[in-house]
Every structure is written in structure tokens, then in C-alpha cells.
Protein backbone atom coordinates (compact mmCIF):
# COMPACT_ATOMS: atom_id res chain seq x y z
CA MET A 1 9.06 -14.93 -2.58
CA ASN A 2 8.37 -11.85 -0.49
CA ILE A 3 5.89 -9.81 -2.57
CA SER A 4 7.95 -6.64 -2.06
CA GLN A 5 10.66 -8.19 -4.23
CA LEU A 6 8.54 -7.40 -7.29
CA VAL A 7 9.86 -3.86 -6.91
CA SER A 8 13.34 -4.79 -5.66
CA GLU A 9 14.00 -7.03 -8.65
CA ASN A 10 13.00 -4.29 -11.09
CA ALA A 11 15.12 -1.81 -9.14
CA ALA A 12 18.11 -4.04 -9.81
CA ALA A 13 17.26 -4.78 -13.45
CA SER A 14 15.86 -1.39 -14.58
CA PRO A 15 16.63 1.17 -11.86
CA GLN A 16 15.70 4.24 -13.93
CA GLN A 17 12.39 2.86 -15.20
CA TYR A 18 9.48 4.78 -13.71
CA ALA A 19 7.51 2.66 -11.25
CA LEU A 20 5.01 5.21 -9.99
CA ILE A 21 3.61 8.55 -11.14
CA PHE A 22 1.27 10.64 -9.00
CA GLU A 23 0.27 14.09 -10.20
CA HIS A 24 3.63 15.91 -10.52
CA GLU A 25 5.64 13.30 -8.63
CA LYS A 26 7.60 10.55 -10.36
CA TYR A 27 9.41 7.62 -8.72
CA THR A 28 11.76 5.22 -10.45
CA TYR A 29 11.94 1.60 -9.35
CA GLN A 30 15.22 2.39 -7.63
CA GLU A 31 13.70 5.34 -5.77
CA LEU A 32 10.60 3.38 -4.75
CA ASP A 33 12.75 0.52 -3.47
CA THR A 34 14.99 2.93 -1.56
CA LEU A 35 12.08 4.77 0.05
CA SER A 36 10.40 1.51 1.08
CA SER A 37 13.69 0.25 2.55
CA GLN A 38 14.06 3.41 4.63
CA THR A 39 10.49 3.06 5.85
CA ALA A 40 11.08 -0.61 6.62
CA ALA A 41 14.11 0.37 8.70
CA ALA A 42 11.98 2.95 10.54
CA LEU A 43 9.28 0.37 11.34
CA SER A 44 11.89 -2.13 12.42
CA GLY A 45 13.38 0.53 14.70
CA LEU A 46 10.03 0.62 16.50
CA ASN A 47 10.35 -3.14 17.10
CA ILE A 48 7.69 -3.93 14.52
CA GLY A 49 8.46 -7.18 12.74
CA SER A 50 7.31 -10.54 11.46
CA GLY A 51 3.64 -11.26 12.08
CA ASP A 52 2.80 -7.85 13.51
CA ARG A 53 -0.28 -6.16 12.08
CA VAL A 54 0.26 -2.69 10.63
CA ALA A 55 -2.89 -0.85 9.57
CA LEU A 56 -2.76 1.44 6.55
CA MET A 57 -5.64 3.93 6.48
CA LEU A 58 -4.74 6.00 3.46
CA ALA A 59 -6.35 7.15 0.23
CA ASN A 60 -4.57 7.00 -3.15
CA HIS A 61 -1.15 8.47 -2.38
CA PRO A 62 2.45 7.40 -3.09
CA GLN A 63 3.05 6.90 0.63
CA PHE A 64 0.53 4.08 0.65
CA VAL A 65 2.67 2.25 -1.90
CA VAL A 66 5.91 2.98 -0.04
CA THR A 67 4.53 1.92 3.34
CA TYR A 68 2.80 -1.18 1.99
CA LEU A 69 6.09 -2.38 0.50
CA ALA A 70 7.90 -1.55 3.73
CA VAL A 71 5.47 -3.61 5.79
CA GLN A 72 6.10 -6.55 3.46
CA LYS A 73 9.86 -6.14 3.71
CA ILE A 74 9.83 -6.53 7.49
CA GLY A 75 7.55 -9.58 7.31
CA ALA A 76 4.63 -7.83 8.98
CA ILE A 77 1.00 -7.98 7.83
CA ALA A 78 -0.61 -4.98 6.15
CA VAL A 79 -4.19 -4.38 7.31
CA LEU A 80 -5.92 -2.18 4.74
CA ILE A 81 -8.67 0.16 5.97
CA ASN A 82 -11.02 2.32 3.95
CA PRO A 83 -10.23 5.93 5.00
CA GLU A 84 -13.91 6.85 4.60
CA TYR A 85 -14.92 4.54 7.45
CA LYS A 86 -16.23 6.06 10.67
CA ALA A 87 -14.73 5.60 14.13
CA ALA A 88 -16.77 2.53 15.06
CA GLU A 89 -15.85 0.69 11.85
CA ILE A 90 -12.17 1.62 12.10
CA SER A 91 -11.98 0.68 15.78
CA PHE A 92 -13.57 -2.70 15.11
CA ILE A 93 -10.95 -3.57 12.48
CA LEU A 94 -8.00 -2.27 14.51
CA ASN A 95 -9.12 -4.28 17.54
CA ASN A 96 -10.19 -7.40 15.65
CA ALA A 97 -6.87 -7.55 13.80
CA GLU A 98 -4.95 -6.60 16.96
CA CYS A 99 -3.03 -3.92 15.06
CA CYS A 100 0.04 -2.61 16.85
CA THR A 101 0.55 0.31 14.45
CA LEU A 102 -1.64 2.64 12.40
CA VAL A 103 -0.28 4.63 9.45
CA THR A 104 -2.59 7.45 8.39
CA THR A 105 -2.88 11.24 8.06
CA GLY A 106 -3.39 13.83 10.75
CA GLU A 107 -6.91 14.59 9.52
CA LEU A 108 -8.00 10.95 9.48
CA ARG A 109 -6.35 10.27 12.83
CA TRP A 110 -8.76 12.62 14.64
CA GLU A 111 -11.62 10.28 13.75
CA LEU A 112 -10.21 8.02 16.49
CA SER A 113 -9.80 10.64 19.21
CA ASN A 114 -12.01 8.80 21.72
CA ALA A 115 -11.58 5.24 20.50
CA LYS A 116 -10.46 2.47 22.83
CA LEU A 117 -7.60 0.67 21.07
CA PRO A 118 -5.77 -1.56 23.58
CA HIS A 119 -3.44 -3.16 21.04
CA LEU A 120 -2.33 0.04 19.31
CA GLN A 121 1.19 1.13 20.26
CA HIS A 122 2.12 3.54 17.46
CA VAL A 123 0.30 6.04 15.27
CA ILE A 124 2.44 7.19 12.34
CA LEU A 125 1.34 10.17 10.25
CA ILE A 126 2.43 10.65 6.66
CA TYR A 127 1.49 14.32 7.05
CA GLY A 128 -0.67 16.56 9.22
CA THR A 129 -0.99 17.11 12.94
CA GLY A 130 -2.16 14.37 15.24
CA GLN A 131 -2.26 13.89 18.98
CA GLU A 132 0.42 13.76 21.64
CA GLY A 133 2.63 10.73 21.11
CA ASP A 134 1.91 10.40 17.40
CA LEU A 135 4.95 10.06 15.14
CA LEU A 136 5.71 11.73 11.82
CA LEU A 137 7.02 9.33 9.20
CA ALA A 138 9.37 11.97 7.79
CA ASP A 139 11.08 12.23 11.20
CA LEU A 140 11.39 8.45 11.51
CA VAL A 141 13.09 7.91 8.14
CA CYS A 142 15.44 10.89 8.40
CA ASP A 143 19.07 9.80 7.89
CA LEU A 144 18.20 6.08 7.92
CA SER A 145 20.01 3.61 5.68
CA THR A 146 18.71 3.25 2.13
CA SER A 147 19.24 -0.52 2.21
CA PHE A 148 17.29 -3.11 4.16
CA HIS A 149 17.48 -6.89 4.20
CA THR A 150 14.04 -8.10 3.21
CA VAL A 151 12.67 -10.82 5.47
CA ASP A 152 12.46 -14.24 3.83
CA VAL A 153 8.96 -15.70 3.78
CA ASP A 154 7.19 -18.91 2.78
CA ASP A 155 4.29 -19.04 0.34
CA ASP A 156 1.91 -19.48 3.28
CA THR A 157 3.24 -16.48 5.23
CA PRO A 158 0.44 -13.89 5.67
CA SER A 159 1.06 -10.68 3.74
CA THR A 160 -2.15 -8.67 3.75
CA LEU A 161 -5.37 -8.64 5.76
CA LEU A 162 -8.47 -7.28 4.02
CA TYR A 163 -11.89 -6.86 5.58
CA THR A 164 -15.25 -7.45 3.93
CA SER A 165 -17.71 -4.55 3.82
CA GLY A 166 -19.83 -6.03 6.61
CA THR A 167 -23.13 -5.10 4.97
CA THR A 168 -24.96 -8.00 6.69
CA GLY A 169 -22.95 -8.02 9.90
CA THR A 170 -19.53 -7.13 11.21
CA PRO A 171 -16.66 -7.15 8.67
CA LYS A 172 -14.72 -10.40 8.32
CA GLY A 173 -10.95 -10.51 7.91
CA VAL A 174 -9.56 -12.24 4.84
CA VAL A 175 -5.89 -13.20 4.78
CA LEU A 176 -3.80 -13.04 1.61
CA SER A 177 -0.46 -14.83 1.77
CA HIS A 178 2.68 -13.98 -0.16
CA GLY A 179 2.02 -17.08 -2.24
CA ASN A 180 -1.54 -15.90 -2.98
CA LEU A 181 -0.28 -12.53 -4.17
CA ASN A 182 2.57 -13.93 -6.23
CA THR A 183 0.22 -16.29 -8.06
CA THR A 184 -2.53 -13.71 -8.59
CA THR A 185 -0.19 -10.98 -9.80
CA GLN A 186 1.47 -13.33 -12.28
CA GLN A 187 -1.89 -14.46 -13.64
CA CYS A 188 -3.16 -10.87 -13.98
CA ALA A 189 0.03 -9.62 -15.61
CA GLU A 190 -0.18 -12.41 -18.17
CA ALA A 191 -3.95 -12.08 -18.74
CA PHE A 192 -3.67 -8.33 -19.36
CA SER A 193 -0.41 -8.72 -21.33
CA ILE A 194 1.23 -6.00 -19.23
CA GLN A 195 4.63 -5.06 -20.65
CA LYS A 196 7.53 -3.04 -19.29
CA ASN A 197 6.72 -0.06 -21.53
CA ASP A 198 3.07 0.12 -20.44
CA ARG A 199 1.61 2.94 -18.39
CA VAL A 200 -1.20 1.53 -16.25
CA LEU A 201 -3.81 3.93 -14.93
CA HIS A 202 -4.77 3.17 -11.33
CA CYS A 203 -7.88 5.12 -10.30
CA MET A 204 -9.41 2.47 -8.04
CA PRO A 205 -8.92 2.66 -4.24
CA VAL A 206 -5.47 1.38 -3.30
CA TYR A 207 -6.82 -0.21 -0.12
CA HIS A 208 -9.25 -2.42 -2.07
CA SER A 209 -8.37 -5.92 -3.26
CA TYR A 210 -9.07 -4.98 -6.88
CA GLY A 211 -6.70 -2.03 -6.84
CA LEU A 212 -4.00 -3.96 -5.04
CA THR A 213 -4.05 -7.40 -6.65
CA THR A 214 -5.35 -6.62 -10.13
CA ILE A 215 -3.70 -3.28 -10.93
CA MET A 216 -0.78 -2.23 -8.74
CA LEU A 217 1.10 -5.44 -7.98
CA PRO A 218 0.71 -7.04 -11.45
CA SER A 219 2.06 -3.83 -12.99
CA PHE A 220 5.09 -3.98 -10.71
CA ARG A 221 5.60 -7.63 -11.62
CA ALA A 222 5.80 -6.63 -15.29
CA GLY A 223 8.10 -3.69 -14.56
CA ALA A 224 5.50 -1.27 -15.94
CA THR A 225 4.65 2.23 -14.73
CA VAL A 226 1.65 2.76 -12.44
CA VAL A 227 -0.01 6.15 -12.89
CA LEU A 228 -1.93 6.68 -9.66
CA SER A 229 -4.99 8.91 -9.73
CA PRO A 230 -6.18 10.54 -6.48
CA ASN A 231 -9.77 9.67 -7.34
CA SER A 232 -12.00 8.04 -9.96
CA GLU A 233 -13.91 11.09 -11.19
CA ALA A 234 -14.43 10.65 -14.94
CA ASP A 235 -13.12 14.05 -16.08
CA ALA A 236 -9.97 13.78 -13.96
CA VAL A 237 -9.33 10.22 -15.12
CA LEU A 238 -9.64 11.21 -18.79
CA GLN A 239 -7.22 14.10 -18.30
CA ILE A 240 -4.68 11.79 -16.67
CA ALA A 241 -5.12 9.18 -19.41
CA ASN A 242 -4.35 11.75 -22.09
CA ARG A 243 -1.58 13.51 -20.22
CA PHE A 244 0.41 10.37 -19.44
CA GLU A 245 -0.45 8.42 -22.60
CA ILE A 246 -2.04 5.55 -20.70
CA THR A 247 -1.90 2.15 -22.43
CA ILE A 248 -3.83 0.03 -19.90
CA PHE A 249 -6.87 1.14 -17.93
CA CYS A 250 -8.57 -1.07 -15.34
CA ALA A 251 -11.78 0.10 -13.69
CA VAL A 252 -15.30 -0.89 -12.69
CA PRO A 253 -18.15 -0.88 -15.27
CA MET A 254 -19.78 2.22 -13.77
CA LEU A 255 -16.77 4.34 -14.67
CA PHE A 256 -16.86 3.27 -18.32
């Protein structure tokens, strides 16, 4: 099963259930599925498709979730990049993964002003001002269809490409297949007993394997609500936990 169908199935079964909350923004499963379908159509319109590598260099933001799902829908591979990386680290990953597209912000994009990226064909900004030739996602999705036929995949089809920190050398790419993610998310949802009425606080980086495979996707599998925090500062996290009546909180020991 294509991992994006975790959201699509809940959109069909419980369309008005909240899937994602971020600060003052709320998205139902139906809205999240619609937005990701529009973004998928926009990427497809740029001739991005099965097997292509699409880099996401974004911090915790709803557009990360939307774009990640869209990349899955078209059968492409999401390459997740830490937005705090410097130009040399970012360039290495973009070139090593042979990314054809980078989705980021205008501010982060300027980190790559002088980088040599022979494989990169498109830079898509979720907001901000970039360089000549960069595309704004809002312009790409304008007036596009709200439905998109999700690409069928096998269990072994690559879904996501993560890179190790590279503390003892250059970062190494690690491939997660759709089958990997389906198995892991089911195991985590069952281990944490995530239920449809749960509100799961997500304060870990969305681009990290822990945030993706242990918090976000298992919550979507259960049809629960992900409350996304822009950061993991203790005071802010506690305020969010109280404000949204959080029932499940996953984090690293340091935060506790």
C-alpha cells in the first residue's frame, strides 16, 4: 500500500476528523488529502514522477506534511534534509541522491546561492523570495484539481531517503520502502495504543526518522490528530500540551 493512503483512507472514513493542528491552523483528514492531491498534481505537472528524488528541506510546518504526502502519491522518493545544515552538507545530499527537485523556503534557499547542483531542475518555495527561476508552490497549485490518482506501489518500492548525520565521515543514504513504513507505523500505533480520539503532540523534527515513523505516520494510521509544534522548547511544548489537551506525547529523554 502506498503510505499516503493512511490519510486518504481516513479522509474517506472520517472526513471531518482533524488530522493536523499547527498553532492556529487546523486541517481535517479530507482537507489534508485534498491539499496533498493538489500538490501531487502540481509536481506531476512538472514531469516529476515515479522514482524521482524530491528533497524536502523544511522545519516543522504543515506544508512539510502536505508535500511529503504528495511526493508519495506520485510514486517519487522524499529525501529529507535538516534545514539547519550548511551549504556543503545540503549540496552533498542533493548531489548524492541526484535530487531533481528541492522544496524549501526562500530564506533557506539562499544557503545554496553558489552551490553546484547538476541534477536539480526545480526549486519550489512554500513561502519567501528565492532566485530567478524558482517556483512558488501557491502558484503551482492554483486552480488544480482536488483529486489525484495515487500511484500503485509494491512493498519494496522506495518511499523515503534519510541520511545519517555523518559524524565520522560523509552522510550515508538509508532507503525506507513503502512496506517498511507500513509495517513500522502499524507496530508503533499498536505499541502506543493510539486511538482515533487521541491528540498526539509532535515536537520532534519532522525530517527525522523518529518524528516521521514513530509519531506522524502511526498517528495517521490510527486516524488520530497530530498537534505539530514548531519547536521542542519545554515551555512552548507544555503550553501546547495544555491548550490542545494532548493525550500522547513522544519525545527524547532530554526533553522530559
